Amino acid sequence: MSKLLRPDMMADAIWDIDLERLRERGIEGLIVDLDNTIVDWNRNDVREDVRRWLRRAQRAGLRVCIASNARSKTRVSAIADEIGAQWLAPAGKPSRRGLRRAMELLGTEATTTALVGDQLFTDVMGGNRAGLFTILVRPLSGRDFPPTKIMRLLEWFVLRRLRGGKAQ
């Protein structure tokens, strides 16, 4: 399996990520995907579990930047302002360019930055290409951008191989 598609860590949801473990790894900044990572797809309301986790991350000294491939800068910036995060949209993941820009906004380097997202072919691949610590979470919602639904089928096969043949 390609190293580009192998996350460094997997979690059921963003709020299950151990912040202390990230700090112990030297992580200072978090680049987080928007849709199906911190909000349900195409929604604006941030779940309370996500809010609590983000507040804990910020209290732990972690800087947060939303990097979304969404085209609506207005939507992304409004959610980022609401949670006290930097933002970048469209980020162009899996391109490294947008992730480098997000690190500039955070004031971090690749070795001190983690990327959290729900997609292998954009978030994990982009983060791995940029040398970041990558964390794959399960999507918050079953709803997706139509082309993403097709990619989810491919992801299922890749994840099955990553988990040693066990589908989850």
C-alpha atoms as a PDB file:
ATOM      1  CA  MET A   1       0.000   0.000   0.000  1.00  0.00           C
ATOM      2  CA  SER A   2       1.342   3.400  -0.903  1.00  0.00           C
ATOM      3  CA  LYS A   3       2.858   5.335   1.983  1.00  0.00           C
ATOM      4  CA  LEU A   4       1.034   8.398   0.656  1.00  0.00           C
ATOM      5  CA  LEU A   5      -2.306   6.834   1.592  1.00  0.00           C
ATOM      6  CA  ARG A   6      -1.295   5.532   5.016  1.00  0.00           C
ATOM      7  CA  PRO A   7      -2.335   7.842   7.870  1.00  0.00           C
ATOM      8  CA  ASP A   8      -0.083   8.076  10.899  1.00  0.00           C
ATOM      9  CA  MET A   9      -3.127   7.743  13.149  1.00  0.00           C
ATOM     10  CA  MET A  10      -6.820   6.913  12.801  1.00  0.00           C
ATOM     11  CA  ALA A  11      -9.679   7.969  15.080  1.00  0.00           C
ATOM     12  CA  ASP A  12     -13.428   7.541  15.036  1.00  0.00           C
ATOM     13  CA  ALA A  13     -13.963  11.314  15.343  1.00  0.00           C
ATOM     14  CA  ILE A  14     -11.898  14.438  15.838  1.00  0.00           C
ATOM     15  CA  TRP A  15     -12.875  14.571  19.530  1.00  0.00           C
ATOM     16  CA  ASP A  16     -11.272  11.131  20.034  1.00  0.00           C
ATOM     17  CA  ILE A  17      -7.799  12.411  19.104  1.00  0.00           C
ATOM     18  CA  ASP A  18      -5.522  12.486  22.136  1.00  0.00           C
ATOM     19  CA  LEU A  19      -4.190  16.046  22.331  1.00  0.00           C
ATOM     20  CA  GLU A  20      -1.574  15.159  24.938  1.00  0.00           C
ATOM     21  CA  ARG A  21      -0.165  12.513  22.586  1.00  0.00           C
ATOM     22  CA  LEU A  22       0.101  15.138  19.829  1.00  0.00           C
ATOM     23  CA  ARG A  23       1.881  17.584  22.145  1.00  0.00           C
ATOM     24  CA  GLU A  24       4.301  14.805  23.182  1.00  0.00           C
ATOM     25  CA  ARG A  25       5.109  14.324  19.468  1.00  0.00           C
ATOM     26  CA  GLY A  26       6.030  18.022  19.254  1.00  0.00           C
ATOM     27  CA  ILE A  27       2.882  19.064  17.384  1.00  0.00           C
ATOM     28  CA  GLU A  28       2.222  22.810  17.643  1.00  0.00           C
ATOM     29  CA  GLY A  29      -0.298  23.322  14.855  1.00  0.00           C
ATOM     30  CA  LEU A  30      -3.331  21.522  13.495  1.00  0.00           C
ATOM     31  CA  ILE A  31      -4.553  21.812   9.936  1.00  0.00           C
ATOM     32  CA  VAL A  32      -8.120  20.525   9.963  1.00  0.00           C
ATOM     33  CA  ASP A  33     -10.456  19.761   7.116  1.00  0.00           C
ATOM     34  CA  LEU A  34     -13.906  21.339   7.270  1.00  0.00           C
ATOM     35  CA  ASP A  35     -16.636  19.174   5.735  1.00  0.00           C
ATOM     36  CA  ASN A  36     -17.276  15.905   7.557  1.00  0.00           C
ATOM     37  CA  THR A  37     -14.351  16.577   9.905  1.00  0.00           C
ATOM     38  CA  ILE A  38     -15.515  19.544  12.014  1.00  0.00           C
ATOM     39  CA  VAL A  39     -18.961  20.117  10.496  1.00  0.00           C
ATOM     40  CA  ASP A  40     -21.371  17.822   8.684  1.00  0.00           C
ATOM     41  CA  TRP A  41     -21.037  18.166   4.915  1.00  0.00           C
ATOM     42  CA  ASN A  42     -22.239  21.533   3.621  1.00  0.00           C
ATOM     43  CA  ARG A  43     -23.446  22.656   7.062  1.00  0.00           C
ATOM     44  CA  ASN A  44     -22.384  25.653   9.116  1.00  0.00           C
ATOM     45  CA  ASP A  45     -23.063  24.448  12.653  1.00  0.00           C
ATOM     46  CA  VAL A  46     -20.121  23.064  14.602  1.00  0.00           C
ATOM     47  CA  ARG A  47     -21.062  20.140  16.831  1.00  0.00           C
ATOM     48  CA  GLU A  48     -20.599  20.697  20.560  1.00  0.00           C
ATOM     49  CA  ASP A  49     -18.185  17.721  20.827  1.00  0.00           C
ATOM     50  CA  VAL A  50     -16.017  19.348  18.151  1.00  0.00           C
ATOM     51  CA  ARG A  51     -16.179  22.750  19.888  1.00  0.00           C
ATOM     52  CA  ARG A  52     -15.038  21.249  23.202  1.00  0.00           C
ATOM     53  CA  TRP A  53     -12.139  19.419  21.513  1.00  0.00           C
ATOM     54  CA  LEU A  54     -11.043  22.561  19.662  1.00  0.00           C
ATOM     55  CA  ARG A  55     -11.167  24.609  22.886  1.00  0.00           C
ATOM     56  CA  ARG A  56      -9.039  21.956  24.624  1.00  0.00           C
ATOM     57  CA  ALA A  57      -6.596  22.002  21.688  1.00  0.00           C
ATOM     58  CA  GLN A  58      -6.272  25.775  21.866  1.00  0.00           C
ATOM     59  CA  ARG A  59      -5.865  25.704  25.674  1.00  0.00           C
ATOM     60  CA  ALA A  60      -3.083  23.129  25.142  1.00  0.00           C
ATOM     61  CA  GLY A  61      -1.296  25.714  22.994  1.00  0.00           C
ATOM     62  CA  LEU A  62      -2.140  24.181  19.612  1.00  0.00           C
ATOM     63  CA  ARG A  63      -2.849  26.618  16.779  1.00  0.00           C
ATOM     64  CA  VAL A  64      -5.644  25.636  14.398  1.00  0.00           C
ATOM     65  CA  CYS A  65      -6.153  26.342  10.704  1.00  0.00           C
ATOM     66  CA  ILE A  66      -9.090  25.099   8.638  1.00  0.00           C
ATOM     67  CA  ALA A  67      -7.898  24.039   5.182  1.00  0.00           C
ATOM     68  CA  SER A  68     -10.875  23.266   2.989  1.00  0.00           C
ATOM     69  CA  ASN A  69     -11.254  22.492  -0.675  1.00  0.00           C
ATOM     70  CA  ALA A  70     -14.647  24.222  -0.492  1.00  0.00           C
ATOM     71  CA  ARG A  71     -14.982  27.145  -2.861  1.00  0.00           C
ATOM     72  CA  SER A  72     -17.051  29.294  -0.489  1.00  0.00           C
ATOM     73  CA  LYS A  73     -14.564  31.498   1.314  1.00  0.00           C
ATOM     74  CA  THR A  74     -17.458  33.188   3.103  1.00  0.00           C
ATOM     75  CA  ARG A  75     -18.643  29.937   4.682  1.00  0.00           C
ATOM     76  CA  VAL A  76     -15.148  28.750   5.635  1.00  0.00           C
ATOM     77  CA  SER A  77     -14.128  32.111   7.101  1.00  0.00           C
ATOM     78  CA  ALA A  78     -17.378  32.386   9.121  1.00  0.00           C
ATOM     79  CA  ILE A  79     -16.842  28.963  10.706  1.00  0.00           C
ATOM     80  CA  ALA A  80     -13.143  29.709  11.339  1.00  0.00           C
ATOM     81  CA  ASP A  81     -14.020  33.040  12.982  1.00  0.00           C
ATOM     82  CA  GLU A  82     -16.607  31.291  15.149  1.00  0.00           C
ATOM     83  CA  ILE A  83     -14.077  28.769  16.495  1.00  0.00           C
ATOM     84  CA  GLY A  84     -11.081  31.119  16.617  1.00  0.00           C
ATOM     85  CA  ALA A  85      -9.064  29.479  13.858  1.00  0.00           C
ATOM     86  CA  GLN A  86      -7.082  30.574  10.821  1.00  0.00           C
ATOM     87  CA  TRP A  87      -8.486  29.433   7.477  1.00  0.00           C
ATOM     88  CA  LEU A  88      -7.547  28.700   3.888  1.00  0.00           C
ATOM     89  CA  ALA A  89      -9.990  28.045   1.038  1.00  0.00           C
ATOM     90  CA  PRO A  90      -9.834  26.614  -1.477  1.00  0.00           C
ATOM     91  CA  ALA A  91      -6.799  24.698  -0.210  1.00  0.00           C
ATOM     92  CA  GLY A  92      -6.317  22.533  -3.309  1.00  0.00           C
ATOM     93  CA  LYS A  93      -5.583  19.345  -1.367  1.00  0.00           C
ATOM     94  CA  PRO A  94      -3.775  17.033  -2.077  1.00  0.00           C
ATOM     95  CA  SER A  95      -1.445  19.740  -3.416  1.00  0.00           C
ATOM     96  CA  ARG A  96       1.332  20.734  -1.024  1.00  0.00           C
ATOM     97  CA  ARG A  97       1.032  24.422  -1.905  1.00  0.00           C
ATOM     98  CA  GLY A  98      -2.111  25.049   0.147  1.00  0.00           C
ATOM     99  CA  LEU A  99      -0.799  23.087   3.103  1.00  0.00           C
ATOM    100  CA  ARG A 100       2.433  25.096   3.067  1.00  0.00           C
ATOM    101  CA  ARG A 101       0.314  28.264   3.105  1.00  0.00           C
ATOM    102  CA  ALA A 102      -1.671  26.894   6.075  1.00  0.00           C
ATOM    103  CA  MET A 103       1.603  26.247   7.934  1.00  0.00           C
ATOM    104  CA  GLU A 104       2.651  29.841   7.210  1.00  0.00           C
ATOM    105  CA  LEU A 105      -0.623  31.030   8.755  1.00  0.00           C
ATOM    106  CA  LEU A 106       0.040  28.839  11.801  1.00  0.00           C
ATOM    107  CA  GLY A 107       3.724  29.709  12.061  1.00  0.00           C
ATOM    108  CA  THR A 108       4.671  26.017  12.091  1.00  0.00           C
ATOM    109  CA  GLU A 109       6.911  23.646  10.156  1.00  0.00           C
ATOM    110  CA  ALA A 110       5.968  20.273   8.682  1.00  0.00           C
ATOM    111  CA  THR A 111       7.560  18.419  11.613  1.00  0.00           C
ATOM    112  CA  THR A 112       5.396  20.325  14.115  1.00  0.00           C
ATOM    113  CA  THR A 113       2.100  20.178  12.225  1.00  0.00           C
ATOM    114  CA  ALA A 114      -0.639  17.552  12.091  1.00  0.00           C
ATOM    115  CA  LEU A 115      -3.357  17.341   9.473  1.00  0.00           C
ATOM    116  CA  VAL A 116      -6.780  15.995  10.481  1.00  0.00           C
ATOM    117  CA  GLY A 117      -9.274  14.995   7.815  1.00  0.00           C
ATOM    118  CA  ASP A 118     -11.845  12.461   6.706  1.00  0.00           C
ATOM    119  CA  GLN A 119     -10.555  11.616   3.213  1.00  0.00           C
ATOM    120  CA  LEU A 120      -7.590   9.505   2.139  1.00  0.00           C
ATOM    121  CA  PHE A 121      -7.149  10.931  -1.363  1.00  0.00           C
ATOM    122  CA  THR A 122      -7.202  14.607  -0.374  1.00  0.00           C
ATOM    123  CA  ASP A 123      -6.395  15.021   3.320  1.00  0.00           C
ATOM    124  CA  VAL A 124      -4.094  12.089   4.086  1.00  0.00           C
ATOM    125  CA  MET A 125      -2.381  12.090   0.701  1.00  0.00           C
ATOM    126  CA  GLY A 126      -1.852  15.857   0.815  1.00  0.00           C
ATOM    127  CA  GLY A 127      -0.595  15.777   4.395  1.00  0.00           C
ATOM    128  CA  ASN A 128       1.799  12.925   3.682  1.00  0.00           C
ATOM    129  CA  ARG A 129       3.094  14.660   0.552  1.00  0.00           C
ATOM    130  CA  ALA A 130       3.799  17.743   2.691  1.00  0.00           C
ATOM    131  CA  GLY A 131       5.541  15.705   5.421  1.00  0.00           C
ATOM    132  CA  LEU A 132       2.869  16.296   8.072  1.00  0.00           C
ATOM    133  CA  PHE A 133       1.655  13.944  10.794  1.00  0.00           C
ATOM    134  CA  THR A 134      -1.634  12.711   9.296  1.00  0.00           C
ATOM    135  CA  ILE A 135      -4.760  11.708  11.177  1.00  0.00           C
ATOM    136  CA  LEU A 136      -7.741  10.125   9.439  1.00  0.00           C
ATOM    137  CA  VAL A 137     -11.141  10.418  11.123  1.00  0.00           C
ATOM    138  CA  ARG A 138     -14.401   8.811  10.093  1.00  0.00           C
ATOM    139  CA  PRO A 139     -16.752  11.226   8.298  1.00  0.00           C
ATOM    140  CA  LEU A 140     -19.206  12.967  10.627  1.00  0.00           C
ATOM    141  CA  SER A 141     -22.055  12.432   8.189  1.00  0.00           C
ATOM    142  CA  GLY A 142     -23.096  10.015   5.465  1.00  0.00           C
ATOM    143  CA  ARG A 143     -23.818  13.004   3.223  1.00  0.00           C
ATOM    144  CA  ASP A 144     -21.060  14.062   0.814  1.00  0.00           C
ATOM    145  CA  PHE A 145     -20.272  16.125  -2.225  1.00  0.00           C
ATOM    146  CA  PRO A 146     -21.346  13.817  -5.133  1.00  0.00           C
ATOM    147  CA  PRO A 147     -17.809  13.185  -6.540  1.00  0.00           C
ATOM    148  CA  THR A 148     -16.627  12.412  -2.992  1.00  0.00           C
ATOM    149  CA  LYS A 149     -19.157   9.569  -2.794  1.00  0.00           C
ATOM    150  CA  ILE A 150     -17.333   7.823  -5.639  1.00  0.00           C
ATOM    151  CA  MET A 151     -13.980   8.305  -3.921  1.00  0.00           C
ATOM    152  CA  ARG A 152     -15.427   6.803  -0.721  1.00  0.00           C
ATOM    153  CA  LEU A 153     -15.794   3.486  -2.558  1.00  0.00           C
ATOM    154  CA  LEU A 154     -12.111   3.514  -3.464  1.00  0.00           C
ATOM    155  CA  GLU A 155     -11.237   4.546   0.092  1.00  0.00           C
ATOM    156  CA  TRP A 156     -13.137   1.547   1.434  1.00  0.00           C
ATOM    157  CA  PHE A 157     -10.868  -0.829  -0.488  1.00  0.00           C
ATOM    158  CA  VAL A 158      -7.709   0.989   0.576  1.00  0.00           C
ATOM    159  CA  LEU A 159      -8.791   1.136   4.226  1.00  0.00           C
ATOM    160  CA  ARG A 160      -9.626  -2.544   4.148  1.00  0.00           C
ATOM    161  CA  ARG A 161      -6.061  -3.305   3.039  1.00  0.00           C
ATOM    162  CA  LEU A 162      -4.619  -0.919   5.635  1.00  0.00           C
ATOM    163  CA  ARG A 163      -6.568  -2.715   8.347  1.00  0.00           C
ATOM    164  CA  GLY A 164      -5.343  -6.125   7.191  1.00  0.00           C
ATOM    165  CA  GLY A 165      -8.395  -7.161   5.225  1.00  0.00           C
ATOM    166  CA  LYS A 166     -10.956  -6.185   7.859  1.00  0.00           C
ATOM    167  CA  ALA A 167     -13.736  -3.905   6.672  1.00  0.00           C
ATOM    168  CA  GLN A 168     -15.108  -1.519   9.302  1.00  0.00           C
END
